[in-house]
Amino acid sequence: EVQLVESGGGTAQAGGSLRLSCTASGFTFDDYVIGWFRQAPGKEREGVSCISNYDNSTYYADSVKGRSTISRSTDKNTVYLQMNSLKAEDTATYYCNAARYSGHGTWDLTPTYDYWGQGTQVTVSS
């Protein structure tokens, strides 16, 4: 059974940090691109970041660029999203997702991804 389990969400103050984790099982982790999306109430789901399985290339939405770092641990089948200098607008449910193939310029498109986690809530208080 394929599983993507997110953890590390919670409540933080503006300016603070959180590290989200996504642990994968049920598929060959090294064969998949792993991404993070988020969805705030009343808004569309948006791509936050992505890390390649091929060369660990990373991609970030402009809204988090410079404040976030994505990384992956093959040994632990886990991807991390370190988020710093948190803002109130970062408040959302964060989803981890896996894609077998990701074409150029498609990392932030939901149809790219084959598997999705259940999400973890991040709330930033100002």
PDB file of N, CA and C in Angstrom:
ATOM      1  N   GLU A   1       0.840  -1.195   0.000  1.00  0.00           N
ATOM      2  CA  GLU A   1       0.000   0.000   0.000  1.00  0.00           C
ATOM      3  C   GLU A   1       0.876   1.246   0.000  1.00  0.00           C
ATOM      4  N   VAL A   2       0.582   2.147  -0.930  1.00  0.00           N
ATOM      5  CA  VAL A   2       1.325   3.402  -1.007  1.00  0.00           C
ATOM      6  C   VAL A   2       0.885   4.332   0.114  1.00  0.00           C
ATOM      7  N   GLN A   3       1.865   4.881   0.801  1.00  0.00           N
ATOM      8  CA  GLN A   3       1.556   5.850   1.846  1.00  0.00           C
ATOM      9  C   GLN A   3       2.553   7.001   1.809  1.00  0.00           C
ATOM     10  N   LEU A   4       2.031   8.188   1.991  1.00  0.00           N
ATOM     11  CA  LEU A   4       2.835   9.385   2.199  1.00  0.00           C
ATOM     12  C   LEU A   4       2.298  10.007   3.477  1.00  0.00           C
ATOM     13  N   VAL A   5       3.129  10.049   4.495  1.00  0.00           N
ATOM     14  CA  VAL A   5       2.681  10.519   5.797  1.00  0.00           C
ATOM     15  C   VAL A   5       3.432  11.786   6.167  1.00  0.00           C
ATOM     16  N   GLU A   6       2.667  12.863   6.273  1.00  0.00           N
ATOM     17  CA  GLU A   6       3.251  14.142   6.644  1.00  0.00           C
ATOM     18  C   GLU A   6       3.254  14.312   8.163  1.00  0.00           C
ATOM     19  N   SER A   7       4.231  15.036   8.642  1.00  0.00           N
ATOM     20  CA  SER A   7       4.294  15.380  10.063  1.00  0.00           C
ATOM     21  C   SER A   7       5.070  16.679  10.213  1.00  0.00           C
ATOM     22  N   GLY A   8       5.016  17.238  11.419  1.00  0.00           N
ATOM     23  CA  GLY A   8       5.777  18.446  11.702  1.00  0.00           C
ATOM     24  C   GLY A   8       4.972  19.729  11.652  1.00  0.00           C
ATOM     25  N   GLY A   9       3.714  19.623  11.247  1.00  0.00           N
ATOM     26  CA  GLY A   9       2.879  20.817  11.246  1.00  0.00           C
ATOM     27  C   GLY A   9       2.546  21.245  12.664  1.00  0.00           C
ATOM     28  N   GLY A  10       1.936  22.374  12.762  1.00  0.00           N
ATOM     29  CA  GLY A  10       1.556  22.897  14.065  1.00  0.00           C
ATOM     30  C   GLY A  10       1.351  24.385  13.996  1.00  0.00           C
ATOM     31  N   THR A  11       1.434  25.010  15.154  1.00  0.00           N
ATOM     32  CA  THR A  11       1.257  26.450  15.254  1.00  0.00           C
ATOM     33  C   THR A  11       2.591  27.110  15.562  1.00  0.00           C
ATOM     34  N   ALA A  12       2.893  28.149  14.838  1.00  0.00           N
ATOM     35  CA  ALA A  12       4.125  28.903  15.061  1.00  0.00           C
ATOM     36  C   ALA A  12       3.814  30.389  14.973  1.00  0.00           C
ATOM     37  N   GLN A  13       4.651  31.162  15.580  1.00  0.00           N
ATOM     38  CA  GLN A  13       4.503  32.618  15.483  1.00  0.00           C
ATOM     39  C   GLN A  13       5.142  33.112  14.207  1.00  0.00           C
ATOM     40  N   ALA A  14       4.654  34.225  13.737  1.00  0.00           N
ATOM     41  CA  ALA A  14       5.264  34.859  12.572  1.00  0.00           C
ATOM     42  C   ALA A  14       6.742  35.097  12.860  1.00  0.00           C
ATOM     43  N   GLY A  15       7.558  34.784  11.869  1.00  0.00           N
ATOM     44  CA  GLY A  15       8.997  34.907  12.039  1.00  0.00           C
ATOM     45  C   GLY A  15       9.659  33.630  12.523  1.00  0.00           C
ATOM     46  N   GLY A  16       8.862  32.676  12.946  1.00  0.00           N
ATOM     47  CA  GLY A  16       9.386  31.419  13.435  1.00  0.00           C
ATOM     48  C   GLY A  16       9.646  30.414  12.330  1.00  0.00           C
ATOM     49  N   SER A  17       9.907  29.177  12.745  1.00  0.00           N
ATOM     50  CA  SER A  17      10.257  28.126  11.800  1.00  0.00           C
ATOM     51  C   SER A  17       9.497  26.841  12.114  1.00  0.00           C
ATOM     52  N   LEU A  18       9.321  26.052  11.083  1.00  0.00           N
ATOM     53  CA  LEU A  18       8.791  24.703  11.209  1.00  0.00           C
ATOM     54  C   LEU A  18       9.510  23.823  10.203  1.00  0.00           C
ATOM     55  N   ARG A  19       9.655  22.548  10.550  1.00  0.00           N
ATOM     56  CA  ARG A  19      10.184  21.582   9.590  1.00  0.00           C
ATOM     57  C   ARG A  19       9.141  20.493   9.379  1.00  0.00           C
ATOM     58  N   LEU A  20       8.673  20.411   8.159  1.00  0.00           N
ATOM     59  CA  LEU A  20       7.718  19.377   7.783  1.00  0.00           C
ATOM     60  C   LEU A  20       8.472  18.165   7.264  1.00  0.00           C
ATOM     61  N   SER A  21       7.932  16.996   7.573  1.00  0.00           N
ATOM     62  CA  SER A  21       8.507  15.748   7.094  1.00  0.00           C
ATOM     63  C   SER A  21       7.463  14.971   6.321  1.00  0.00           C
ATOM     64  N   CYS A  22       7.926  14.228   5.350  1.00  0.00           N
ATOM     65  CA  CYS A  22       7.051  13.359   4.564  1.00  0.00           C
ATOM     66  C   CYS A  22       7.765  12.020   4.419  1.00  0.00           C
ATOM     67  N   THR A  23       7.188  10.990   5.010  1.00  0.00           N
ATOM     68  CA  THR A  23       7.777   9.657   4.944  1.00  0.00           C
ATOM     69  C   THR A  23       6.967   8.798   4.000  1.00  0.00           C
ATOM     70  N   ALA A  24       7.660   8.195   3.052  1.00  0.00           N
ATOM     71  CA  ALA A  24       7.010   7.426   1.997  1.00  0.00           C
ATOM     72  C   ALA A  24       7.196   5.927   2.206  1.00  0.00           C
ATOM     73  N   SER A  25       6.206   5.170   1.779  1.00  0.00           N
ATOM     74  CA  SER A  25       6.300   3.712   1.801  1.00  0.00           C
ATOM     75  C   SER A  25       5.390   3.146   0.718  1.00  0.00           C
ATOM     76  N   GLY A  26       5.666   1.901   0.324  1.00  0.00           N
ATOM     77  CA  GLY A  26       4.811   1.233  -0.645  1.00  0.00           C
ATOM     78  C   GLY A  26       5.194   1.462  -2.090  1.00  0.00           C
ATOM     79  N   PHE A  27       6.258   2.212  -2.338  1.00  0.00           N
ATOM     80  CA  PHE A  27       6.756   2.392  -3.707  1.00  0.00           C
ATOM     81  C   PHE A  27       8.254   2.673  -3.615  1.00  0.00           C
ATOM     82  N   THR A  28       8.905   2.647  -4.754  1.00  0.00           N
ATOM     83  CA  THR A  28      10.346   2.842  -4.781  1.00  0.00           C
ATOM     84  C   THR A  28      10.650   4.331  -4.699  1.00  0.00           C
ATOM     85  N   PHE A  29      11.009   4.758  -3.536  1.00  0.00           N
ATOM     86  CA  PHE A  29      11.185   6.185  -3.234  1.00  0.00           C
ATOM     87  C   PHE A  29      12.145   6.855  -4.212  1.00  0.00           C
ATOM     88  N   ASP A  30      13.232   6.184  -4.549  1.00  0.00           N
ATOM     89  CA  ASP A  30      14.252   6.795  -5.402  1.00  0.00           C
ATOM     90  C   ASP A  30      13.777   7.024  -6.832  1.00  0.00           C
ATOM     91  N   ASP A  31      12.642   6.435  -7.215  1.00  0.00           N
ATOM     92  CA  ASP A  31      12.134   6.591  -8.575  1.00  0.00           C
ATOM     93  C   ASP A  31      11.162   7.758  -8.713  1.00  0.00           C
ATOM     94  N   TYR A  32      10.925   8.469  -7.627  1.00  0.00           N
ATOM     95  CA  TYR A  32       9.875   9.477  -7.635  1.00  0.00           C
ATOM     96  C   TYR A  32      10.369  10.863  -7.257  1.00  0.00           C
ATOM     97  N   VAL A  33       9.833  11.840  -7.968  1.00  0.00           N
ATOM     98  CA  VAL A  33       9.949  13.234  -7.568  1.00  0.00           C
ATOM     99  C   VAL A  33       8.991  13.449  -6.392  1.00  0.00           C
ATOM    100  N   ILE A  34       9.432  14.187  -5.412  1.00  0.00           N
ATOM    101  CA  ILE A  34       8.579  14.473  -4.254  1.00  0.00           C
ATOM    102  C   ILE A  34       8.326  15.976  -4.164  1.00  0.00           C
ATOM    103  N   GLY A  35       7.088  16.319  -3.965  1.00  0.00           N
ATOM    104  CA  GLY A  35       6.744  17.731  -3.892  1.00  0.00           C
ATOM    105  C   GLY A  35       5.880  18.048  -2.683  1.00  0.00           C
ATOM    106  N   TRP A  36       5.774  19.317  -2.411  1.00  0.00           N
ATOM    107  CA  TRP A  36       4.879  19.836  -1.374  1.00  0.00           C
ATOM    108  C   TRP A  36       3.925  20.838  -2.005  1.00  0.00           C
ATOM    109  N   PHE A  37       2.668  20.682  -1.670  1.00  0.00           N
ATOM    110  CA  PHE A  37       1.646  21.650  -2.046  1.00  0.00           C
ATOM    111  C   PHE A  37       1.007  22.158  -0.762  1.00  0.00           C
ATOM    112  N   ARG A  38       0.246  23.228  -0.883  1.00  0.00           N
ATOM    113  CA  ARG A  38      -0.515  23.700   0.269  1.00  0.00           C
ATOM    114  C   ARG A  38      -1.844  24.270  -0.203  1.00  0.00           C
ATOM    115  N   GLN A  39      -2.790  24.253   0.719  1.00  0.00           N
ATOM    116  CA  GLN A  39      -4.103  24.794   0.405  1.00  0.00           C
ATOM    117  C   GLN A  39      -4.658  25.513   1.624  1.00  0.00           C
ATOM    118  N   ALA A  40      -4.918  26.782   1.428  1.00  0.00           N
ATOM    119  CA  ALA A  40      -5.532  27.590   2.481  1.00  0.00           C
ATOM    120  C   ALA A  40      -7.038  27.595   2.264  1.00  0.00           C
ATOM    121  N   PRO A  41      -7.796  27.837   3.318  1.00  0.00           N
ATOM    122  CA  PRO A  41      -9.261  27.861   3.179  1.00  0.00           C
ATOM    123  C   PRO A  41      -9.712  28.842   2.102  1.00  0.00           C
ATOM    124  N   GLY A  42     -10.559  28.371   1.219  1.00  0.00           N
ATOM    125  CA  GLY A  42     -11.091  29.222   0.170  1.00  0.00           C
ATOM    126  C   GLY A  42     -10.156  29.487  -0.988  1.00  0.00           C
ATOM    127  N   LYS A  43      -8.977  28.834  -0.971  1.00  0.00           N
ATOM    128  CA  LYS A  43      -8.005  29.057  -2.044  1.00  0.00           C
ATOM    129  C   LYS A  43      -7.688  27.752  -2.755  1.00  0.00           C
ATOM    130  N   GLU A  44      -7.149  27.869  -3.940  1.00  0.00           N
ATOM    131  CA  GLU A  44      -6.742  26.693  -4.695  1.00  0.00           C
ATOM    132  C   GLU A  44      -5.449  26.106  -4.111  1.00  0.00           C
ATOM    133  N   ARG A  45      -5.289  24.817  -4.350  1.00  0.00           N
ATOM    134  CA  ARG A  45      -4.047  24.166  -3.925  1.00  0.00           C
ATOM    135  C   ARG A  45      -2.901  24.694  -4.796  1.00  0.00           C
ATOM    136  N   GLU A  46      -1.791  25.018  -4.154  1.00  0.00           N
ATOM    137  CA  GLU A  46      -0.663  25.575  -4.904  1.00  0.00           C
ATOM    138  C   GLU A  46       0.622  24.816  -4.591  1.00  0.00           C
ATOM    139  N   GLY A  47       1.469  24.723  -5.592  1.00  0.00           N
ATOM    140  CA  GLY A  47       2.761  24.089  -5.402  1.00  0.00           C
ATOM    141  C   GLY A  47       3.672  24.966  -4.562  1.00  0.00           C
ATOM    142  N   VAL A  48       4.353  24.347  -3.604  1.00  0.00           N
ATOM    143  CA  VAL A  48       5.263  25.069  -2.716  1.00  0.00           C
ATOM    144  C   VAL A  48       6.723  24.771  -3.081  1.00  0.00           C
ATOM    145  N   SER A  49       7.013  23.476  -3.238  1.00  0.00           N
ATOM    146  CA  SER A  49       8.394  23.093  -3.517  1.00  0.00           C
ATOM    147  C   SER A  49       8.421  21.667  -4.041  1.00  0.00           C
ATOM    148  N   CYS A  50       9.562  21.321  -4.638  1.00  0.00           N
ATOM    149  CA  CYS A  50       9.703  19.995  -5.227  1.00  0.00           C
ATOM    150  C   CYS A  50      11.190  19.644  -5.250  1.00  0.00           C
ATOM    151  N   ILE A  51      11.481  18.353  -5.119  1.00  0.00           N
ATOM    152  CA  ILE A  51      12.864  17.911  -5.227  1.00  0.00           C
ATOM    153  C   ILE A  51      12.929  16.711  -6.158  1.00  0.00           C
ATOM    154  N   SER A  52      13.859  16.779  -7.070  1.00  0.00           N
ATOM    155  CA  SER A  52      14.023  15.722  -8.066  1.00  0.00           C
ATOM    156  C   SER A  52      14.633  14.475  -7.444  1.00  0.00           C
ATOM    157  N   ASN A  53      14.276  13.314  -8.001  1.00  0.00           N
ATOM    158  CA  ASN A  53      14.909  12.066  -7.592  1.00  0.00           C
ATOM    159  C   ASN A  53      16.180  11.805  -8.387  1.00  0.00           C
ATOM    160  N   TYR A  54      16.328  12.505  -9.514  1.00  0.00           N
ATOM    161  CA  TYR A  54      17.450  12.241 -10.423  1.00  0.00           C
ATOM    162  C   TYR A  54      18.732  12.907  -9.948  1.00  0.00           C
ATOM    163  N   ASP A  55      18.643  14.227  -9.690  1.00  0.00           N
ATOM    164  CA  ASP A  55      19.866  14.957  -9.324  1.00  0.00           C
ATOM    165  C   ASP A  55      19.637  15.875  -8.128  1.00  0.00           C
ATOM    166  N   ASN A  56      18.535  15.652  -7.409  1.00  0.00           N
ATOM    167  CA  ASN A  56      18.182  16.473  -6.248  1.00  0.00           C
ATOM    168  C   ASN A  56      18.011  17.949  -6.596  1.00  0.00           C
ATOM    169  N   SER A  57      17.668  18.237  -7.840  1.00  0.00           N
ATOM    170  CA  SER A  57      17.318  19.618  -8.187  1.00  0.00           C
ATOM    171  C   SER A  57      16.100  20.027  -7.369  1.00  0.00           C
ATOM    172  N   THR A  58      16.085  21.284  -6.982  1.00  0.00           N
ATOM    173  CA  THR A  58      14.979  21.776  -6.156  1.00  0.00           C
ATOM    174  C   THR A  58      14.266  22.937  -6.839  1.00  0.00           C
ATOM    175  N   TYR A  59      13.000  23.065  -6.534  1.00  0.00           N
ATOM    176  CA  TYR A  59      12.165  24.101  -7.113  1.00  0.00           C
ATOM    177  C   TYR A  59      11.310  24.696  -5.998  1.00  0.00           C
ATOM    178  N   TYR A  60      11.080  25.999  -6.096  1.00  0.00           N
ATOM    179  CA  TYR A  60      10.311  26.689  -5.056  1.00  0.00           C
ATOM    180  C   TYR A  60       9.347  27.677  -5.687  1.00  0.00           C
ATOM    181  N   ALA A  61       8.197  27.807  -5.050  1.00  0.00           N
ATOM    182  CA  ALA A  61       7.294  28.878  -5.421  1.00  0.00           C
ATOM    183  C   ALA A  61       7.917  30.208  -4.999  1.00  0.00           C
ATOM    184  N   ASP A  62       7.594  31.247  -5.727  1.00  0.00           N
ATOM    185  CA  ASP A  62       8.145  32.566  -5.390  1.00  0.00           C
ATOM    186  C   ASP A  62       7.769  32.976  -3.963  1.00  0.00           C
ATOM    187  N   SER A  63       6.610  32.524  -3.523  1.00  0.00           N
ATOM    188  CA  SER A  63       6.116  32.928  -2.203  1.00  0.00           C
ATOM    189  C   SER A  63       6.961  32.379  -1.049  1.00  0.00           C
ATOM    190  N   VAL A  64       7.731  31.313  -1.293  1.00  0.00           N
ATOM    191  CA  VAL A  64       8.536  30.726  -0.216  1.00  0.00           C
ATOM    192  C   VAL A  64      10.030  30.737  -0.532  1.00  0.00           C
ATOM    193  N   LYS A  65      10.378  31.148  -1.725  1.00  0.00           N
ATOM    194  CA  LYS A  65      11.778  31.141  -2.140  1.00  0.00           C
ATOM    195  C   LYS A  65      12.605  32.009  -1.198  1.00  0.00           C
ATOM    196  N   GLY A  66      13.748  31.495  -0.781  1.00  0.00           N
ATOM    197  CA  GLY A  66      14.607  32.229   0.138  1.00  0.00           C
ATOM    198  C   GLY A  66      14.273  31.992   1.593  1.00  0.00           C
ATOM    199  N   ARG A  67      13.102  31.405   1.845  1.00  0.00           N
ATOM    200  CA  ARG A  67      12.679  31.133   3.228  1.00  0.00           C
ATOM    201  C   ARG A  67      12.548  29.642   3.506  1.00  0.00           C
ATOM    202  N   SER A  68      12.597  28.844   2.461  1.00  0.00           N
ATOM    203  CA  SER A  68      12.349  27.409   2.626  1.00  0.00           C
ATOM    204  C   SER A  68      13.443  26.595   1.967  1.00  0.00           C
ATOM    205  N   THR A  69      13.661  25.413   2.510  1.00  0.00           N
ATOM    206  CA  THR A  69      14.635  24.488   1.939  1.00  0.00           C
ATOM    207  C   THR A  69      14.037  23.089   1.933  1.00  0.00           C
ATOM    208  N   ILE A  70      14.052  22.450   0.773  1.00  0.00           N
ATOM    209  CA  ILE A  70      13.577  21.080   0.660  1.00  0.00           C
ATOM    210  C   ILE A  70      14.779  20.154   0.529  1.00  0.00           C
ATOM    211  N   SER A  71      14.687  18.994   1.145  1.00  0.00           N
ATOM    212  CA  SER A  71      15.770  18.025   1.067  1.00  0.00           C
ATOM    213  C   SER A  71      15.169  16.625   1.165  1.00  0.00           C
ATOM    214  N   ARG A  72      15.962  15.633   0.759  1.00  0.00           N
ATOM    215  CA  ARG A  72      15.452  14.272   0.844  1.00  0.00           C
ATOM    216  C   ARG A  72      16.513  13.338   1.413  1.00  0.00           C
ATOM    217  N   SER A  73      16.049  12.343   2.163  1.00  0.00           N
ATOM    218  CA  SER A  73      16.919  11.329   2.741  1.00  0.00           C
ATOM    219  C   SER A  73      16.512   9.983   2.178  1.00  0.00           C
ATOM    220  N   THR A  74      17.365   9.437   1.335  1.00  0.00           N
ATOM    221  CA  THR A  74      17.066   8.147   0.723  1.00  0.00           C
ATOM    222  C   THR A  74      17.038   7.049   1.779  1.00  0.00           C
ATOM    223  N   ASP A  75      17.928   7.144   2.742  1.00  0.00           N
ATOM    224  CA  ASP A  75      17.998   6.130   3.797  1.00  0.00           C
ATOM    225  C   ASP A  75      16.695   6.035   4.583  1.00  0.00           C
ATOM    226  N   LYS A  76      16.023   7.169   4.738  1.00  0.00           N
ATOM    227  CA  LYS A  76      14.815   7.204   5.563  1.00  0.00           C
ATOM    228  C   LYS A  76      13.538   7.311   4.733  1.00  0.00           C
ATOM    229  N   ASN A  77      13.680   7.319   3.407  1.00  0.00           N
ATOM    230  CA  ASN A  77      12.509   7.505   2.532  1.00  0.00           C
ATOM    231  C   ASN A  77      11.701   8.722   2.953  1.00  0.00           C
ATOM    232  N   THR A  78      12.400   9.774   3.254  1.00  0.00           N
ATOM    233  CA  THR A  78      11.749  10.958   3.812  1.00  0.00           C
ATOM    234  C   THR A  78      12.209  12.225   3.101  1.00  0.00           C
ATOM    235  N   VAL A  79      11.273  13.125   2.894  1.00  0.00           N
ATOM    236  CA  VAL A  79      11.562  14.445   2.365  1.00  0.00           C
ATOM    237  C   VAL A  79      11.211  15.464   3.438  1.00  0.00           C
ATOM    238  N   TYR A  80      12.050  16.472   3.561  1.00  0.00           N
ATOM    239  CA  TYR A  80      11.856  17.514   4.561  1.00  0.00           C
ATOM    240  C   TYR A  80      11.614  18.858   3.881  1.00  0.00           C
ATOM    241  N   LEU A  81      10.791  19.667   4.509  1.00  0.00           N
ATOM    242  CA  LEU A  81      10.612  21.044   4.072  1.00  0.00           C
ATOM    243  C   LEU A  81      10.831  21.939   5.279  1.00  0.00           C
ATOM    244  N   GLN A  82      11.970  22.594   5.290  1.00  0.00           N
ATOM    245  CA  GLN A  82      12.299  23.534   6.357  1.00  0.00           C
ATOM    246  C   GLN A  82      11.747  24.898   5.964  1.00  0.00           C
ATOM    247  N   MET A  83      10.903  25.439   6.806  1.00  0.00           N
ATOM    248  CA  MET A  83      10.286  26.722   6.523  1.00  0.00           C
ATOM    249  C   MET A  83      10.688  27.714   7.607  1.00  0.00           C
ATOM    250  N   ASN A  84      11.309  28.801   7.195  1.00  0.00           N
ATOM    251  CA  ASN A  84      11.775  29.842   8.114  1.00  0.00           C
ATOM    252  C   ASN A  84      11.044  31.152   7.837  1.00  0.00           C
ATOM    253  N   SER A  85      11.220  32.085   8.747  1.00  0.00           N
ATOM    254  CA  SER A  85      10.607  33.414   8.604  1.00  0.00           C
ATOM    255  C   SER A  85       9.140  33.289   8.217  1.00  0.00           C
ATOM    256  N   LEU A  86       8.439  32.471   8.958  1.00  0.00           N
ATOM    257  CA  LEU A  86       7.049  32.186   8.626  1.00  0.00           C
ATOM    258  C   LEU A  86       6.194  33.442   8.653  1.00  0.00           C
ATOM    259  N   LYS A  87       5.222  33.441   7.741  1.00  0.00           N
ATOM    260  CA  LYS A  87       4.287  34.555   7.634  1.00  0.00           C
ATOM    261  C   LYS A  87       2.861  34.027   7.834  1.00  0.00           C
ATOM    262  N   ALA A  88       1.965  34.930   8.177  1.00  0.00           N
ATOM    263  CA  ALA A  88       0.571  34.525   8.360  1.00  0.00           C
ATOM    264  C   ALA A  88       0.023  33.874   7.092  1.00  0.00           C
ATOM    265  N   GLU A  89       0.470  34.333   5.945  1.00  0.00           N
ATOM    266  CA  GLU A  89      -0.026  33.776   4.671  1.00  0.00           C
ATOM    267  C   GLU A  89       0.508  32.381   4.370  1.00  0.00           C
ATOM    268  N   ASP A  90       1.392  31.884   5.213  1.00  0.00           N
ATOM    269  CA  ASP A  90       1.834  30.495   5.078  1.00  0.00           C
ATOM    270  C   ASP A  90       0.840  29.527   5.706  1.00  0.00           C
ATOM    271  N   THR A  91      -0.126  30.051   6.425  1.00  0.00           N
ATOM    272  CA  THR A  91      -1.134  29.209   7.057  1.00  0.00           C
ATOM    273  C   THR A  91      -1.909  28.425   5.998  1.00  0.00           C
ATOM    274  N   ALA A  92      -1.892  27.105   6.131  1.00  0.00           N
ATOM    275  CA  ALA A  92      -2.533  26.237   5.144  1.00  0.00           C
ATOM    276  C   ALA A  92      -2.365  24.786   5.585  1.00  0.00           C
ATOM    277  N   THR A  93      -3.055  23.904   4.883  1.00  0.00           N
ATOM    278  CA  THR A  93      -2.776  22.475   5.007  1.00  0.00           C
ATOM    279  C   THR A  93      -1.720  22.139   3.971  1.00  0.00           C
ATOM    280  N   TYR A  94      -0.667  21.481   4.398  1.00  0.00           N
ATOM    281  CA  TYR A  94       0.453  21.143   3.527  1.00  0.00           C
ATOM    282  C   TYR A  94       0.388  19.655   3.165  1.00  0.00           C
ATOM    283  N   TYR A  95       0.498  19.388   1.873  1.00  0.00           N
ATOM    284  CA  TYR A  95       0.400  18.032   1.351  1.00  0.00           C
ATOM    285  C   TYR A  95       1.701  17.625   0.690  1.00  0.00           C
ATOM    286  N   CYS A  96       2.087  16.397   0.972  1.00  0.00           N
ATOM    287  CA  CYS A  96       3.241  15.801   0.314  1.00  0.00           C
ATOM    288  C   CYS A  96       2.733  14.952  -0.851  1.00  0.00           C
ATOM    289  N   ASN A  97       3.478  14.902  -1.941  1.00  0.00           N
ATOM    290  CA  ASN A  97       3.025  14.152  -3.100  1.00  0.00           C
ATOM    291  C   ASN A  97       4.207  13.594  -3.876  1.00  0.00           C
ATOM    292  N   ALA A  98       3.942  12.547  -4.635  1.00  0.00           N
ATOM    293  CA  ALA A  98       4.999  11.851  -5.363  1.00  0.00           C
ATOM    294  C   ALA A  98       4.610  11.694  -6.828  1.00  0.00           C
ATOM    295  N   ALA A  99       5.586  11.934  -7.698  1.00  0.00           N
ATOM    296  CA  ALA A  99       5.374  11.808  -9.135  1.00  0.00           C
ATOM    297  C   ALA A  99       6.432  10.907  -9.745  1.00  0.00           C
ATOM    298  N   ARG A 100       5.976   9.940 -10.571  1.00  0.00           N
ATOM    299  CA  ARG A 100       6.929   9.067 -11.271  1.00  0.00           C
ATOM    300  C   ARG A 100       7.661   9.847 -12.352  1.00  0.00           C
ATOM    301  N   TYR A 101       6.933  10.754 -13.015  1.00  0.00           N
ATOM    302  CA  TYR A 101       7.527  11.568 -14.055  1.00  0.00           C
ATOM    303  C   TYR A 101       7.087  13.021 -13.881  1.00  0.00           C
ATOM    304  N   SER A 102       8.008  13.920 -14.048  1.00  0.00           N
ATOM    305  CA  SER A 102       7.688  15.337 -13.973  1.00  0.00           C
ATOM    306  C   SER A 102       8.362  16.039 -15.127  1.00  0.00           C
ATOM    307  N   GLY A 103       7.564  16.495 -16.075  1.00  0.00           N
ATOM    308  CA  GLY A 103       8.130  17.172 -17.230  1.00  0.00           C
ATOM    309  C   GLY A 103       8.594  18.567 -16.883  1.00  0.00           C
ATOM    310  N   HIS A 104       9.306  19.142 -17.800  1.00  0.00           N
ATOM    311  CA  HIS A 104       9.844  20.482 -17.591  1.00  0.00           C
ATOM    312  C   HIS A 104       8.712  21.457 -17.317  1.00  0.00           C
ATOM    313  N   GLY A 105       8.824  22.197 -16.237  1.00  0.00           N
ATOM    314  CA  GLY A 105       7.845  23.221 -15.928  1.00  0.00           C
ATOM    315  C   GLY A 105       6.530  22.722 -15.381  1.00  0.00           C
ATOM    316  N   THR A 106       6.482  21.453 -14.951  1.00  0.00           N
ATOM    317  CA  THR A 106       5.207  20.918 -14.464  1.00  0.00           C
ATOM    318  C   THR A 106       5.224  20.588 -12.982  1.00  0.00           C
ATOM    319  N   TRP A 107       6.273  20.909 -12.287  1.00  0.00           N
ATOM    320  CA  TRP A 107       6.390  20.460 -10.896  1.00  0.00           C
ATOM    321  C   TRP A 107       5.289  21.019 -10.010  1.00  0.00           C
ATOM    322  N   ASP A 108       4.736  22.162 -10.394  1.00  0.00           N
ATOM    323  CA  ASP A 108       3.738  22.790  -9.535  1.00  0.00           C
ATOM    324  C   ASP A 108       2.312  22.553 -10.034  1.00  0.00           C
ATOM    325  N   LEU A 109       2.127  21.542 -10.853  1.00  0.00           N
ATOM    326  CA  LEU A 109       0.793  21.212 -11.360  1.00  0.00           C
ATOM    327  C   LEU A 109       0.292  19.948 -10.685  1.00  0.00           C
ATOM    328  N   THR A 110      -0.892  19.991 -10.123  1.00  0.00           N
ATOM    329  CA  THR A 110      -1.398  18.834  -9.374  1.00  0.00           C
ATOM    330  C   THR A 110      -1.507  17.566 -10.216  1.00  0.00           C
ATOM    331  N   PRO A 111      -1.860  17.631 -11.508  1.00  0.00           N
ATOM    332  CA  PRO A 111      -1.974  16.378 -12.273  1.00  0.00           C
ATOM    333  C   PRO A 111      -0.637  15.656 -12.469  1.00  0.00           C
ATOM    334  N   THR A 112       0.460  16.336 -12.192  1.00  0.00           N
ATOM    335  CA  THR A 112       1.768  15.705 -12.350  1.00  0.00           C
ATOM    336  C   THR A 112       1.947  14.548 -11.376  1.00  0.00           C
ATOM    337  N   TYR A 113       1.266  14.619 -10.253  1.00  0.00           N
ATOM    338  CA  TYR A 113       1.553  13.727  -9.132  1.00  0.00           C
ATOM    339  C   TYR A 113       0.629  12.528  -9.090  1.00  0.00           C
ATOM    340  N   ASP A 114       1.228  11.383  -8.735  1.00  0.00           N
ATOM    341  CA  ASP A 114       0.507  10.111  -8.694  1.00  0.00           C
ATOM    342  C   ASP A 114      -0.071   9.811  -7.322  1.00  0.00           C
ATOM    343  N   TYR A 115       0.644  10.212  -6.294  1.00  0.00           N
ATOM    344  CA  TYR A 115       0.234   9.872  -4.933  1.00  0.00           C
ATOM    345  C   TYR A 115       0.245  11.128  -4.061  1.00  0.00           C
ATOM    346  N   TRP A 116      -0.681  11.152  -3.115  1.00  0.00           N
ATOM    347  CA  TRP A 116      -0.823  12.298  -2.218  1.00  0.00           C
ATOM    348  C   TRP A 116      -0.950  11.820  -0.782  1.00  0.00           C
ATOM    349  N   GLY A 117      -0.418  12.631   0.124  1.00  0.00           N
ATOM    350  CA  GLY A 117      -0.612  12.384   1.535  1.00  0.00           C
ATOM    351  C   GLY A 117      -1.903  13.024   2.025  1.00  0.00           C
ATOM    352  N   GLN A 118      -2.163  12.849   3.309  1.00  0.00           N
ATOM    353  CA  GLN A 118      -3.400  13.367   3.908  1.00  0.00           C
ATOM    354  C   GLN A 118      -3.282  14.811   4.363  1.00  0.00           C
ATOM    355  N   GLY A 119      -2.078  15.288   4.469  1.00  0.00           N
ATOM    356  CA  GLY A 119      -1.884  16.697   4.823  1.00  0.00           C
ATOM    357  C   GLY A 119      -1.567  16.918   6.289  1.00  0.00           C
ATOM    358  N   THR A 120      -0.889  18.014   6.545  1.00  0.00           N
ATOM    359  CA  THR A 120      -0.605  18.444   7.910  1.00  0.00           C
ATOM    360  C   THR A 120      -0.864  19.949   7.989  1.00  0.00           C
ATOM    361  N   GLN A 121      -1.488  20.367   9.077  1.00  0.00           N
ATOM    362  CA  GLN A 121      -1.899  21.761   9.202  1.00  0.00           C
ATOM    363  C   GLN A 121      -0.758  22.611   9.730  1.00  0.00           C
ATOM    364  N   VAL A 122      -0.561  23.745   9.090  1.00  0.00           N
ATOM    365  CA  VAL A 122       0.391  24.754   9.557  1.00  0.00           C
ATOM    366  C   VAL A 122      -0.385  26.031   9.814  1.00  0.00           C
ATOM    367  N   THR A 123      -0.270  26.548  11.015  1.00  0.00           N
ATOM    368  CA  THR A 123      -0.934  27.792  11.373  1.00  0.00           C
ATOM    369  C   THR A 123       0.107  28.762  11.897  1.00  0.00           C
ATOM    370  N   VAL A 124       0.146  29.929  11.286  1.00  0.00           N
ATOM    371  CA  VAL A 124       1.108  30.951  11.690  1.00  0.00           C
ATOM    372  C   VAL A 124       0.337  32.114  12.284  1.00  0.00           C
ATOM    373  N   SER A 125       0.643  32.416  13.516  1.00  0.00           N
ATOM    374  CA  SER A 125      -0.049  33.511  14.196  1.00  0.00           C
ATOM    375  C   SER A 125       0.799  34.778  14.137  1.00  0.00           C
ATOM    376  N   SER A 126       0.126  35.872  13.884  1.00  0.00           N
ATOM    377  CA  SER A 126       0.847  37.151  13.758  1.00  0.00           C
ATOM    378  C   SER A 126       0.825  37.924  15.062  1.00  0.00           C
TER     379      SER A 126
END
